[in-house]
N, C-alpha and C. Protein backbone atom coordinates (compact mmCIF):
# COMPACT_ATOMS: atom_id res chain seq x y z
N MET A 1 -24.98 25.12 -10.52
CA MET A 1 -24.78 23.82 -11.13
C MET A 1 -23.31 23.51 -11.28
N GLY A 2 -22.48 24.50 -11.60
CA GLY A 2 -21.06 24.29 -11.78
C GLY A 2 -20.37 23.85 -10.50
N LYS A 3 -20.80 24.44 -9.37
CA LYS A 3 -20.18 24.06 -8.09
C LYS A 3 -20.52 22.62 -7.72
N LEU A 4 -21.72 22.20 -8.04
CA LEU A 4 -22.12 20.83 -7.73
C LEU A 4 -21.31 19.83 -8.53
N VAL A 5 -21.11 20.12 -9.80
CA VAL A 5 -20.32 19.22 -10.65
C VAL A 5 -18.88 19.17 -10.16
N THR A 6 -18.32 20.30 -9.76
CA THR A 6 -16.95 20.34 -9.24
C THR A 6 -16.85 19.53 -7.96
N ARG A 7 -17.84 19.66 -7.08
CA ARG A 7 -17.82 18.93 -5.81
C ARG A 7 -17.94 17.42 -6.06
N VAL A 8 -18.79 17.01 -6.99
CA VAL A 8 -18.94 15.59 -7.29
C VAL A 8 -17.65 15.05 -7.89
N ASN A 9 -17.03 15.79 -8.81
CA ASN A 9 -15.77 15.35 -9.41
C ASN A 9 -14.66 15.25 -8.37
N ARG A 10 -14.61 16.22 -7.45
CA ARG A 10 -13.59 16.19 -6.42
C ARG A 10 -13.79 14.99 -5.51
N GLY A 11 -15.04 14.70 -5.14
CA GLY A 11 -15.34 13.54 -4.30
C GLY A 11 -14.99 12.24 -5.01
N GLN A 12 -15.27 12.19 -6.30
CA GLN A 12 -14.94 10.99 -7.07
C GLN A 12 -13.43 10.80 -7.13
N GLY A 13 -12.68 11.88 -7.30
CA GLY A 13 -11.22 11.79 -7.33
C GLY A 13 -10.66 11.30 -6.01
N LEU A 14 -11.24 11.77 -4.91
CA LEU A 14 -10.77 11.33 -3.59
C LEU A 14 -11.04 9.85 -3.37
N VAL A 15 -12.19 9.39 -3.82
CA VAL A 15 -12.52 7.97 -3.69
C VAL A 15 -11.55 7.13 -4.52
N GLU A 16 -11.24 7.60 -5.72
CA GLU A 16 -10.29 6.86 -6.56
C GLU A 16 -8.92 6.79 -5.91
N TYR A 17 -8.45 7.89 -5.35
CA TYR A 17 -7.16 7.87 -4.65
C TYR A 17 -7.20 6.94 -3.45
N ALA A 18 -8.30 6.93 -2.72
CA ALA A 18 -8.42 6.04 -1.56
C ALA A 18 -8.38 4.58 -2.00
N LEU A 19 -9.02 4.26 -3.12
CA LEU A 19 -9.00 2.89 -3.61
C LEU A 19 -7.59 2.48 -4.06
N ILE A 20 -6.88 3.39 -4.68
CA ILE A 20 -5.51 3.10 -5.10
C ILE A 20 -4.62 2.86 -3.88
N ILE A 21 -4.77 3.70 -2.86
CA ILE A 21 -3.97 3.54 -1.64
C ILE A 21 -4.30 2.22 -0.96
N ALA A 22 -5.57 1.85 -0.94
CA ALA A 22 -5.96 0.58 -0.33
C ALA A 22 -5.37 -0.59 -1.11
N LEU A 23 -5.38 -0.51 -2.43
CA LEU A 23 -4.81 -1.58 -3.25
C LEU A 23 -3.30 -1.70 -3.02
N VAL A 24 -2.61 -0.58 -2.95
CA VAL A 24 -1.17 -0.61 -2.68
C VAL A 24 -0.90 -1.22 -1.31
N ALA A 25 -1.71 -0.87 -0.32
CA ALA A 25 -1.53 -1.42 1.02
C ALA A 25 -1.72 -2.94 1.01
N VAL A 26 -2.71 -3.42 0.29
CA VAL A 26 -2.95 -4.87 0.22
C VAL A 26 -1.76 -5.56 -0.44
N VAL A 27 -1.23 -4.98 -1.51
CA VAL A 27 -0.08 -5.57 -2.20
C VAL A 27 1.15 -5.59 -1.29
N VAL A 28 1.38 -4.52 -0.56
CA VAL A 28 2.53 -4.46 0.35
C VAL A 28 2.39 -5.50 1.46
N ILE A 29 1.21 -5.61 2.02
CA ILE A 29 1.00 -6.60 3.09
C ILE A 29 1.19 -8.01 2.56
N ALA A 30 0.66 -8.29 1.36
CA ALA A 30 0.83 -9.62 0.77
C ALA A 30 2.30 -9.92 0.51
N ALA A 31 3.04 -8.93 0.02
CA ALA A 31 4.47 -9.13 -0.23
C ALA A 31 5.22 -9.40 1.06
N LEU A 32 4.88 -8.67 2.12
CA LEU A 32 5.54 -8.90 3.40
C LEU A 32 5.22 -10.27 3.97
N VAL A 33 3.99 -10.72 3.80
CA VAL A 33 3.62 -12.04 4.30
C VAL A 33 4.37 -13.12 3.53
N LEU A 34 4.47 -12.95 2.22
CA LEU A 34 5.14 -13.97 1.40
C LEU A 34 6.66 -13.94 1.56
N LEU A 35 7.23 -12.75 1.65
CA LEU A 35 8.69 -12.61 1.70
C LEU A 35 9.23 -12.47 3.11
N GLY A 36 8.36 -12.39 4.09
CA GLY A 36 8.78 -12.18 5.48
C GLY A 36 9.78 -13.20 5.99
N PRO A 37 9.51 -14.49 5.83
CA PRO A 37 10.46 -15.49 6.32
C PRO A 37 11.82 -15.41 5.62
N ALA A 38 11.84 -15.13 4.34
CA ALA A 38 13.11 -15.03 3.61
C ALA A 38 13.91 -13.82 4.10
N ILE A 39 13.24 -12.70 4.29
CA ILE A 39 13.92 -11.50 4.77
C ILE A 39 14.43 -11.73 6.19
N SER A 40 13.63 -12.40 7.00
CA SER A 40 14.03 -12.69 8.38
C SER A 40 15.28 -13.55 8.42
N SER A 41 15.34 -14.57 7.58
CA SER A 41 16.53 -15.43 7.57
C SER A 41 17.76 -14.69 7.08
N ILE A 42 17.59 -13.78 6.14
CA ILE A 42 18.73 -12.98 5.67
C ILE A 42 19.28 -12.14 6.82
N PHE A 43 18.39 -11.48 7.57
CA PHE A 43 18.86 -10.66 8.69
C PHE A 43 19.47 -11.52 9.80
N MET A 44 18.93 -12.70 10.01
CA MET A 44 19.52 -13.58 11.03
C MET A 44 20.92 -14.02 10.61
N ASN A 45 21.12 -14.31 9.33
CA ASN A 45 22.46 -14.66 8.84
C ASN A 45 23.44 -13.51 9.00
N ILE A 46 22.98 -12.30 8.71
CA ILE A 46 23.83 -11.12 8.87
C ILE A 46 24.17 -10.94 10.34
N ASN A 47 23.16 -11.10 11.20
CA ASN A 47 23.37 -10.92 12.64
C ASN A 47 24.36 -11.96 13.19
N SER A 48 24.24 -13.19 12.75
CA SER A 48 25.15 -14.22 13.25
C SER A 48 26.55 -14.04 12.70
N ALA A 49 26.69 -13.43 11.52
CA ALA A 49 28.01 -13.18 10.95
C ALA A 49 28.74 -12.06 11.70
N LEU A 50 27.97 -11.18 12.29
CA LEU A 50 28.59 -10.09 13.05
C LEU A 50 29.04 -10.60 14.39
């Protein structure tokens, strides 16, 4: 019984970590989509100044 509980807890922990990683990925992608044009223009200004 103890091994089963440990295995279930370990599986639950892995699922929680996977959900956190997925949430972070969604936030990063959203930030890149929203800030992408601004970052692109900054790099273009730097490139033209060089």
